[in-house]
Protein backbone atom coordinates (compact mmCIF):
# COMPACT_ATOMS: atom_id res chain seq x y z
CA MET A 1 -0.15 0.08 0.03
CA ALA A 2 1.25 3.70 -0.91
CA LYS A 3 1.78 5.89 2.02
CA LYS A 4 -0.68 8.77 2.28
CA THR A 5 0.74 12.26 2.93
CA LYS A 6 -1.16 14.82 4.97
CA THR A 7 -2.28 17.67 3.08
CA LYS A 8 -3.31 20.86 4.54
CA LYS A 9 -6.27 23.06 2.98
CA VAL A 10 -5.14 26.29 1.55
CA THR A 11 -7.37 29.04 2.47
CA PRO A 12 -7.39 32.29 0.29
CA PHE A 13 -6.18 34.15 3.38
CA ARG A 14 -3.46 32.14 4.17
CA ASP A 15 0.12 33.31 4.31
CA LYS A 16 2.11 32.55 1.12
CA LYS A 17 5.33 31.66 2.92
CA LYS A 18 3.54 29.09 4.92
CA ASP A 19 1.98 27.63 1.70
CA LYS A 20 5.55 27.53 0.08
CA LYS A 21 6.77 25.44 3.14
CA ILE A 22 3.74 22.93 2.84
CA LYS A 23 4.49 22.21 -0.83
CA ARG A 24 8.07 21.52 0.11
CA GLU A 25 7.22 19.19 2.71
CA LYS A 26 4.92 17.29 0.45
CA ILE A 27 7.78 16.83 -2.04
CA SER A 28 10.26 15.76 0.48
CA LYS A 29 7.76 13.18 2.21
CA GLY A 30 5.93 12.16 -0.94
CA ALA A 31 6.55 10.18 -4.06
CA LYS A 32 10.05 10.02 -5.85
CA LYS A 33 11.13 12.92 -7.80
CA GLU A 34 11.05 12.46 -11.62
CA LYS A 35 14.43 12.77 -13.25
CA LYS A 36 14.49 14.80 -16.40
CA GLU A 37 16.53 12.91 -19.09
CA LYS A 38 19.24 14.93 -20.56
CA PRO A 39 19.60 14.59 -24.29
CA LYS A 40 22.74 12.80 -25.44
CA LYS A 41 25.44 15.05 -26.91
CA GLU A 42 26.58 14.15 -30.47
CA LYS A 43 30.34 13.68 -30.77
CA LYS A 44 32.00 16.35 -32.60
CA VAL A 45 34.20 15.46 -35.43
CA LYS A 46 37.87 17.05 -35.43
CA LYS A 47 38.58 18.86 -38.53
CA PRO A 48 42.17 18.68 -39.68
CA VAL A 49 44.14 21.80 -38.57
CA LEU A 50 45.72 23.62 -41.43
CA LYS A 51 49.02 25.13 -40.60
CA LYS A 52 49.07 29.02 -41.14
CA GLU A 53 52.13 30.55 -42.60
CA VAL A 54 53.77 32.64 -39.77
CA LYS A 55 54.48 36.25 -41.19
CA LYS A 56 57.71 37.81 -40.04
CA PRO A 57 56.97 41.21 -38.62
CA ALA A 58 58.21 44.04 -40.63
CA PRO A 59 61.34 45.44 -39.21
CA ARG A 60 61.04 48.24 -36.93
CA VAL A 61 61.80 51.73 -38.08
CA ARG A 62 63.74 53.78 -35.91
CA TYR A 63 62.46 57.30 -34.94
CA PHE A 64 62.89 59.83 -32.29
CA GLU A 65 59.70 60.81 -30.52
CA ALA A 66 59.03 63.99 -28.26
CA MET A 67 56.10 66.17 -27.10
CA GLY A 68 55.96 69.79 -27.46
CA LYS A 69 53.50 72.11 -25.57
CA ARG A 70 52.33 75.71 -25.77
CA LYS A 71 49.16 77.20 -24.13
CA THR A 72 46.90 74.31 -24.71
CA ALA A 73 48.21 73.00 -27.88
CA ILE A 74 50.03 69.45 -27.65
CA ALA A 75 52.19 68.20 -30.50
CA ARG A 76 53.65 64.67 -30.76
CA VAL A 77 56.51 64.69 -32.86
CA ARG A 78 58.24 61.69 -34.70
CA LEU A 79 61.26 62.04 -36.60
CA PHE A 80 62.33 59.04 -38.84
CA THR A 81 65.79 58.89 -40.12
CA GLN A 82 64.77 56.28 -43.03
CA GLY A 83 62.20 56.59 -45.72
CA GLU A 84 60.66 59.28 -47.86
CA LYS A 85 61.67 62.63 -46.51
CA VAL A 86 58.08 64.19 -46.02
CA PHE A 87 56.68 66.49 -43.39
CA LEU A 88 53.03 65.44 -42.55
CA VAL A 89 50.87 67.37 -39.86
CA ASN A 90 47.82 65.50 -39.06
CA GLU A 91 48.13 63.34 -42.04
CA LYS A 92 48.21 66.56 -44.30
CA PRO A 93 51.17 68.15 -45.96
CA PHE A 94 52.94 70.57 -43.80
CA ALA A 95 52.17 73.58 -46.29
CA VAL A 96 48.41 72.76 -46.23
CA TYR A 97 48.14 72.73 -42.63
CA PHE A 98 50.08 76.02 -42.01
CA PRO A 99 49.13 77.99 -45.00
CA THR A 100 51.06 81.40 -44.10
CA ALA A 101 54.74 81.78 -44.46
CA ALA A 102 54.95 83.05 -40.99
CA LEU A 103 53.50 79.98 -39.25
CA GLN A 104 55.68 77.74 -41.45
CA GLN A 105 58.72 79.80 -40.20
CA ILE A 106 57.69 79.22 -36.75
CA ALA A 107 57.25 75.40 -36.97
CA THR A 108 60.30 74.64 -38.95
CA ALA A 109 62.62 76.99 -37.24
CA SER A 110 64.52 74.49 -34.94
CA LEU A 111 65.02 72.21 -38.10
CA ILE A 112 66.30 75.33 -40.11
CA LYS A 113 68.62 76.31 -37.05
CA MET A 114 70.18 72.85 -37.09
CA ARG A 115 70.18 72.61 -40.85
CA CYS A 116 68.20 69.22 -40.63
CA LEU A 117 65.29 70.27 -42.68
CA ASP A 118 65.86 67.62 -45.42
CA LYS A 119 67.38 64.84 -43.19
CA PHE A 120 64.32 63.62 -41.46
CA ARG A 121 60.59 62.38 -42.31
CA VAL A 122 58.70 64.34 -39.85
CA ILE A 123 55.16 62.83 -38.75
CA VAL A 124 53.31 65.08 -36.18
CA LYS A 125 49.94 64.79 -34.40
CA LEU A 126 48.62 68.20 -33.30
CA ARG A 127 45.72 68.91 -30.98
CA GLY A 128 44.25 71.66 -29.09
CA GLY A 129 44.74 75.29 -29.16
CA GLY A 130 44.87 77.78 -31.88
CA ILE A 131 47.09 77.57 -35.18
CA VAL A 132 49.93 79.79 -33.72
CA SER A 133 50.19 77.92 -30.60
CA GLN A 134 50.24 74.48 -32.44
CA ALA A 135 53.02 75.82 -34.56
CA GLU A 136 54.91 76.88 -31.52
CA ALA A 137 54.13 73.63 -29.91
CA LEU A 138 55.34 71.85 -33.15
CA ARG A 139 58.68 73.95 -32.91
CA HIS A 140 59.10 73.02 -29.01
CA GLY A 141 58.41 69.21 -30.07
CA ILE A 142 60.89 69.28 -32.80
CA SER A 143 63.57 70.72 -30.59
CA ARG A 144 63.11 68.05 -27.94
CA ALA A 145 63.22 65.23 -30.58
CA LEU A 146 66.28 66.79 -32.19
CA THR A 147 68.15 66.61 -28.83
CA LEU A 148 67.30 62.96 -28.56
CA PHE A 149 68.78 62.39 -32.07
CA ASN A 150 71.92 64.49 -31.28
CA PRO A 151 72.73 65.76 -27.54
CA ASP A 152 75.00 68.11 -29.02
CA PHE A 153 72.14 70.17 -30.46
CA LYS A 154 70.83 70.98 -27.06
CA LYS A 155 73.27 73.85 -26.24
CA ARG A 156 72.34 75.67 -29.51
CA LEU A 157 68.56 75.21 -29.32
CA ARG A 158 68.63 76.28 -25.67
CA ARG A 159 70.47 79.37 -26.53
CA VAL A 160 67.81 80.25 -28.94
CA GLY A 161 64.80 79.50 -26.57
CA TYR A 162 63.38 76.57 -28.50
CA LEU A 163 63.75 74.02 -25.73
CA THR A 164 62.06 76.30 -23.18
CA ARG A 165 58.37 75.45 -22.43
CA ASP A 166 56.60 78.82 -22.47
CA ALA A 167 54.40 78.41 -19.49
CA ARG A 168 52.06 81.53 -20.06
CA LYS A 169 48.46 80.29 -20.19
CA ARG A 170 44.92 82.06 -20.12
CA GLU A 171 44.25 82.99 -16.52
CA ARG A 172 41.03 81.49 -15.33
CA LYS A 173 37.81 83.36 -14.82
CA LYS A 174 36.84 84.58 -11.45
CA PHE A 175 33.19 84.81 -10.21
CA GLY A 176 31.94 88.21 -9.87
CA LEU A 177 34.30 89.39 -12.68
CA LYS A 178 33.67 89.53 -16.23
CA ARG A 179 36.88 87.66 -17.17
CA ALA A 180 39.96 86.91 -15.10
CA ARG A 181 40.42 90.59 -13.98
CA ARG A 182 37.95 92.62 -15.77
CA ALA A 183 35.35 93.99 -13.31
CA PRO A 184 31.74 94.62 -14.38
CA GLN A 185 31.20 98.30 -15.36
CA TRP A 186 30.73 100.58 -12.50
CA GLN A 187 27.63 102.81 -12.40
CA LYS A 188 27.21 105.85 -10.22
CA ARG A 189 23.57 105.55 -9.61
């Protein structure tokens, strides 16, 4: 004879937590649990592995890298000794990025001073600031990279002032004033 389990009547006002306990008791005391059958996994057939040809990495190109700064402009300069002698600023030709002769003169001043204008492939990433401060940041970065290339250049570049980081920046605005120091217009009445 099968064992009879005690069942309690569930009323609509009964606490839900107690109902859950009752159901659990029935399962533990009552009939055997039904086991769910898991479907059998099919065996995977291994495919033959084809050996890939290992490509040798390209030979590393030697370059000298430096950062130049002015106001909020930042220039990352790379001077390559090998390859085509090109001057690229943000992936544009140098003459396109700096259209005026004055800006071009500022940017290339350190290369002209050291007579190295045609010796390097120059690749520059510029961001921030205005176009004049970018040109000065580029001059600063090229000067630093040239000192890495040849430490003897440092004395000459320092004397001209191309290695000095110009620390002048825009002063912050103060509350109660129009700008950093400009006070609101005074009214007599």
